[in-house]
Amino acid sequence: MSGRDRRDSEQLFHDRQAAGRVHAFRAGQVDLRFADAAYLGHETWIGPAFAKLGDLRGKAALDYGCGHGMAAVVLARAGARVTAFDLSPGYVAEAQERLRANGVAGTCVVADGEKLPFPDLAFDVVWGNAILHHVDLARAGRELVRVMRPGGLAVFCEPWGGNPALSFARRYLPYPGKDRTPDELPLTRRELRPLRAIFPRVEVEGHQLLGMARRVLARPRLCRALDATDARLLRACPSLWNWCRYVVIVVHKG
């Protein structure tokens, strides 16, 4: 599939998702308003990853692939001047409405991560959640480094494909929330090579090793115990991150 066909497929998939969410909002089933904890705590890696952005007051922040716009709201509440983009016009409309409903300001635009419509050196920080595995990282990386200011950093949370057992489960086993676009695949070490060639410093941190079982467990105490065990294991043996379900990627521009 060509790059253009892939982007068209991605846009159609996410526009359909956004359209379904609009119906839920209009039916009163979902509220656009939310507390920060609803976003920062919805997965175990989100809060720790977001904290890596540091003090956001007065900083120009880009929500890279904003989707439903919850991150844009949290960024704005933290004091950032927020610009958000997504390939899906439906999601951009939702993100703009969510900013308005939560009483914060931000600019939302339809854009392609491989061809950003922003000027050079526009942003201090960049946030992205489950977005890099949808793009060509060589093209996206060049655009990313172009729009980041010297000393800036970008933080991304991404599904990881280093665990063969998990790859098998993702491909063949049913579980909640499995819906995805036809062409997306979790990142691997190979996909990170373009970022490492473009940025002087790329950090990778794994999340959910044993804790990935929470996808099928409904026992909060057991899930917390698995998360605590993961923290100890990954601290003692950092190389285990390659077997995790998700990674947090931090790229620094010199």
Protein backbone atom coordinates (compact mmCIF):
# COMPACT_ATOMS: atom_id res chain seq x y z
CA MET A 1 0.00 0.00 0.00
CA SER A 2 1.36 3.45 -0.94
CA GLY A 3 1.87 6.19 1.62
CA ARG A 4 -1.09 8.11 0.23
CA ASP A 5 -3.36 5.05 0.37
CA ARG A 6 -2.21 4.30 3.93
CA ARG A 7 -2.97 7.85 5.08
CA ASP A 8 -6.40 7.75 3.41
CA SER A 9 -7.15 4.45 5.15
CA GLU A 10 -6.00 5.83 8.51
CA GLN A 11 -8.10 8.97 8.10
CA LEU A 12 -11.22 7.02 7.18
CA PHE A 13 -10.80 4.62 10.12
CA HIS A 14 -10.42 7.40 12.68
CA ASP A 15 -13.16 9.57 11.18
CA ARG A 16 -15.52 6.62 11.64
CA GLN A 17 -14.42 6.32 15.28
CA ALA A 18 -14.92 10.04 15.84
CA ALA A 19 -18.38 9.94 14.23
CA GLY A 20 -19.43 7.21 16.65
CA ARG A 21 -18.20 9.29 19.57
CA VAL A 22 -20.16 12.34 18.37
CA HIS A 23 -23.33 10.27 18.54
CA ALA A 24 -22.50 9.28 22.13
CA PHE A 25 -21.93 12.93 23.12
CA ARG A 26 -25.20 14.04 21.56
CA ALA A 27 -27.06 11.20 23.25
CA GLY A 28 -25.67 12.30 26.60
CA GLN A 29 -23.78 9.04 27.09
CA VAL A 30 -20.35 10.74 27.32
CA ASP A 31 -19.35 14.11 28.81
CA LEU A 32 -16.66 16.14 27.08
CA ARG A 33 -15.59 17.51 30.46
CA PHE A 34 -13.15 15.50 32.57
CA ALA A 35 -10.59 15.73 35.36
CA ASP A 36 -6.88 15.39 34.55
CA ALA A 37 -6.72 12.07 36.41
CA ALA A 38 -9.13 10.50 33.92
CA TYR A 39 -6.48 10.91 31.24
CA LEU A 40 -3.26 10.63 33.21
CA GLY A 41 -4.43 7.47 34.97
CA HIS A 42 -6.18 5.61 32.18
CA GLU A 43 -3.02 3.58 31.46
CA THR A 44 -0.14 2.95 33.86
CA TRP A 45 2.47 4.67 31.68
CA ILE A 46 0.59 7.90 30.86
CA GLY A 47 1.17 9.78 34.12
CA PRO A 48 4.90 8.95 34.39
CA ALA A 49 5.41 9.79 30.71
CA PHE A 50 3.57 13.11 30.98
CA ALA A 51 5.70 14.08 33.97
CA LYS A 52 8.79 13.88 31.74
CA LEU A 53 7.58 17.02 29.94
CA GLY A 54 8.46 19.00 33.05
CA ASP A 55 7.11 22.45 33.91
CA LEU A 56 4.83 23.44 31.04
CA ARG A 57 3.95 26.97 32.12
CA GLY A 58 4.37 29.35 29.19
CA LYS A 59 5.77 26.70 26.87
CA ALA A 60 4.63 26.11 23.29
CA ALA A 61 3.36 22.52 23.22
CA LEU A 62 2.36 20.34 20.28
CA ASP A 63 -0.16 17.53 20.81
CA TYR A 64 1.06 15.25 18.02
CA GLY A 65 -1.84 13.15 16.70
CA CYS A 66 -4.30 14.57 19.23
CA GLY A 67 -7.19 12.15 18.68
CA HIS A 68 -9.99 12.97 21.11
CA GLY A 69 -8.10 15.95 22.53
CA MET A 70 -7.84 14.94 26.20
CA ALA A 71 -4.06 15.42 26.23
CA ALA A 72 -4.48 18.88 24.70
CA VAL A 73 -6.75 19.84 27.60
CA VAL A 74 -4.29 18.52 30.20
CA LEU A 75 -1.42 20.37 28.51
CA ALA A 76 -3.42 23.60 28.51
CA ARG A 77 -4.41 23.20 32.16
CA ALA A 78 -0.71 22.82 32.99
CA GLY A 79 -0.08 26.26 31.49
CA ALA A 80 1.13 25.38 27.99
CA ARG A 81 0.21 27.23 24.82
CA VAL A 82 -1.27 24.29 22.95
CA THR A 83 -1.42 23.41 19.28
CA ALA A 84 -2.97 20.06 18.43
CA PHE A 85 -3.21 18.23 15.13
CA ASP A 86 -4.61 15.01 13.77
CA LEU A 87 -5.03 13.42 10.36
CA SER A 88 -8.75 12.93 11.09
CA PRO A 89 -11.02 15.99 10.66
CA GLY A 90 -13.55 14.25 12.90
CA TYR A 91 -11.11 13.97 15.76
CA VAL A 92 -9.85 17.53 15.27
CA ALA A 93 -13.44 18.76 15.62
CA GLU A 94 -13.85 16.70 18.79
CA ALA A 95 -10.57 17.98 20.24
CA GLN A 96 -11.58 21.60 19.61
CA GLU A 97 -14.96 21.01 21.22
CA ARG A 98 -13.32 19.29 24.21
CA LEU A 99 -10.99 22.24 24.78
CA ARG A 100 -13.99 24.56 24.70
CA ALA A 101 -16.05 22.38 27.04
CA ASN A 102 -13.23 22.35 29.58
CA GLY A 103 -12.68 26.09 29.45
CA VAL A 104 -9.13 26.09 28.08
CA ALA A 105 -7.59 27.49 24.92
CA GLY A 106 -5.81 25.72 22.09
CA THR A 107 -5.55 25.56 18.33
CA CYS A 108 -6.53 22.35 16.54
CA VAL A 109 -5.73 21.69 12.89
CA VAL A 110 -5.96 18.84 10.41
CA ALA A 111 -2.44 17.80 9.44
CA ASP A 112 -0.21 14.89 8.47
CA GLY A 113 2.61 14.04 10.88
CA GLU A 114 4.90 13.42 7.91
CA LYS A 115 4.32 16.93 6.53
CA LEU A 116 3.62 19.38 9.35
CA PRO A 117 2.16 22.82 8.50
CA PHE A 118 4.06 24.57 11.31
CA PRO A 119 7.06 26.91 11.04
CA ASP A 120 10.58 25.92 12.01
CA LEU A 121 11.44 26.04 15.72
CA ALA A 122 7.81 26.44 16.78
CA PHE A 123 7.57 24.18 19.85
CA ASP A 124 9.32 23.65 23.16
CA VAL A 125 7.71 20.28 23.89
CA VAL A 126 5.82 17.63 21.94
CA TRP A 127 3.45 14.99 23.32
CA GLY A 128 2.13 11.98 21.43
CA ASN A 129 0.20 8.89 22.52
CA ALA A 130 0.03 5.82 20.25
CA ILE A 131 0.87 7.81 17.13
CA LEU A 132 4.44 7.09 15.95
CA HIS A 133 3.57 3.54 14.89
CA HIS A 134 1.13 5.07 12.38
CA VAL A 135 3.78 7.10 10.50
CA ASP A 136 6.98 6.70 8.52
CA LEU A 137 9.52 7.56 11.21
CA ALA A 138 12.18 8.84 8.81
CA ARG A 139 9.83 11.45 7.32
CA ALA A 140 8.06 12.19 10.60
CA GLY A 141 11.36 12.46 12.45
CA ARG A 142 12.70 15.06 10.04
CA GLU A 143 9.55 17.13 10.47
CA LEU A 144 9.64 16.70 14.22
CA VAL A 145 13.21 17.94 14.59
CA ARG A 146 12.40 20.86 12.26
CA VAL A 147 9.55 22.21 14.40
CA MET A 148 11.27 21.65 17.78
CA ARG A 149 13.28 24.41 19.40
CA PRO A 150 16.88 23.85 20.55
CA GLY A 151 16.86 22.05 23.89
CA GLY A 152 13.31 20.84 23.30
CA LEU A 153 12.03 17.35 23.94
CA ALA A 154 9.27 15.11 22.70
CA VAL A 155 7.60 12.31 24.68
CA PHE A 156 5.73 9.49 22.98
CA CYS A 157 3.88 6.47 24.39
CA GLU A 158 3.88 3.60 21.90
CA PRO A 159 2.87 -0.08 21.67
CA TRP A 160 5.99 -2.24 21.52
CA GLY A 161 6.60 -5.34 19.41
CA GLY A 162 9.69 -6.89 21.00
CA ASN A 163 7.86 -9.70 22.83
CA PRO A 164 7.03 -12.61 20.46
CA ALA A 165 4.37 -14.04 22.81
CA LEU A 166 2.64 -10.68 22.97
CA SER A 167 2.89 -10.32 19.19
CA PHE A 168 1.13 -13.67 18.84
CA ALA A 169 -1.63 -12.57 21.23
CA ARG A 170 -2.10 -9.28 19.42
CA ARG A 171 -2.42 -11.07 16.12
CA TYR A 172 -4.55 -14.07 17.03
CA LEU A 173 -6.28 -13.72 20.41
CA PRO A 174 -9.43 -11.72 21.16
CA TYR A 175 -9.33 -9.13 23.95
CA PRO A 176 -11.07 -5.82 24.78
CA GLY A 177 -9.99 -2.73 22.86
CA LYS A 178 -8.29 -4.64 20.03
CA ASP A 179 -9.76 -2.48 17.25
CA ARG A 180 -6.99 -0.99 15.10
CA THR A 181 -6.23 0.19 11.58
CA PRO A 182 -5.30 -2.44 8.96
CA ASP A 183 -1.68 -1.28 8.54
CA GLU A 184 -0.54 -0.38 12.04
CA LEU A 185 2.04 -2.52 13.82
CA PRO A 186 3.79 -2.01 17.17
CA LEU A 187 7.23 -0.44 17.02
CA THR A 188 10.43 -2.47 17.24
CA ARG A 189 14.10 -1.56 17.57
CA ARG A 190 14.36 -1.40 13.77
CA GLU A 191 11.66 1.28 13.52
CA LEU A 192 13.54 3.43 16.04
CA ARG A 193 16.68 3.63 13.90
CA PRO A 194 15.53 6.75 11.97
CA LEU A 195 14.87 8.60 15.23
CA ARG A 196 18.29 7.65 16.56
CA ALA A 197 19.87 8.91 13.33
CA ILE A 198 18.05 12.26 13.55
CA PHE A 199 18.13 13.07 17.27
CA PRO A 200 21.26 13.18 19.43
CA ARG A 201 19.53 11.46 22.32
CA VAL A 202 16.69 8.92 22.33
CA GLU A 203 15.58 7.24 25.58
CA VAL A 204 13.29 4.20 25.74
CA GLU A 205 11.54 3.02 28.90
CA GLY A 206 9.36 -0.09 29.12
CA HIS A 207 5.98 -0.37 30.86
CA GLN A 208 3.79 -3.38 31.65
CA LEU A 209 5.87 -6.53 31.63
CA LEU A 210 3.90 -8.85 33.91
CA GLY A 211 1.36 -6.07 34.22
CA MET A 212 0.22 -6.54 30.64
CA ALA A 213 -2.01 -9.27 32.07
CA ARG A 214 -4.31 -6.48 33.26
CA ARG A 215 -5.77 -6.53 29.73
CA VAL A 216 -7.64 -9.70 30.69
CA LEU A 217 -7.72 -9.45 34.51
CA ALA A 218 -10.54 -7.84 36.47
CA ARG A 219 -8.87 -7.95 39.90
CA PRO A 220 -7.48 -4.51 40.86
CA ARG A 221 -5.37 -5.77 43.78
CA LEU A 222 -3.65 -8.35 41.58
CA CYS A 223 -3.06 -5.75 38.88
CA ARG A 224 -1.44 -3.41 41.40
CA ALA A 225 0.77 -6.24 42.65
CA LEU A 226 1.87 -7.01 39.09
CA ASP A 227 2.62 -3.33 38.47
CA ALA A 228 4.73 -3.15 41.64
CA THR A 229 6.62 -6.27 40.59
CA ASP A 230 7.24 -4.75 37.16
CA ALA A 231 8.71 -1.62 38.72
CA ARG A 232 11.21 -3.70 40.69
CA LEU A 233 12.10 -5.97 37.76
CA LEU A 234 12.60 -3.15 35.27
CA ARG A 235 14.66 -1.16 37.75
CA ALA A 236 16.88 -4.18 38.48
CA CYS A 237 17.19 -5.26 34.84
CA PRO A 238 16.43 -2.36 32.45
CA SER A 239 17.02 -4.54 29.36
CA LEU A 240 13.69 -6.25 30.09
CA TRP A 241 11.95 -3.24 28.57
CA ASN A 242 12.15 -4.96 25.18
CA TRP A 243 9.59 -7.50 26.44
CA CYS A 244 7.08 -4.92 27.65
CA ARG A 245 3.70 -4.11 26.19
CA TYR A 246 4.31 -0.36 25.83
CA VAL A 247 7.30 1.96 25.78
CA VAL A 248 7.78 5.61 26.56
CA ILE A 249 10.14 7.24 24.06
CA VAL A 250 11.81 10.54 24.88
CA VAL A 251 13.71 12.34 22.13
CA HIS A 252 15.88 15.37 22.87
CA LYS A 253 16.89 18.03 20.41
CA GLY A 254 20.38 19.37 21.12
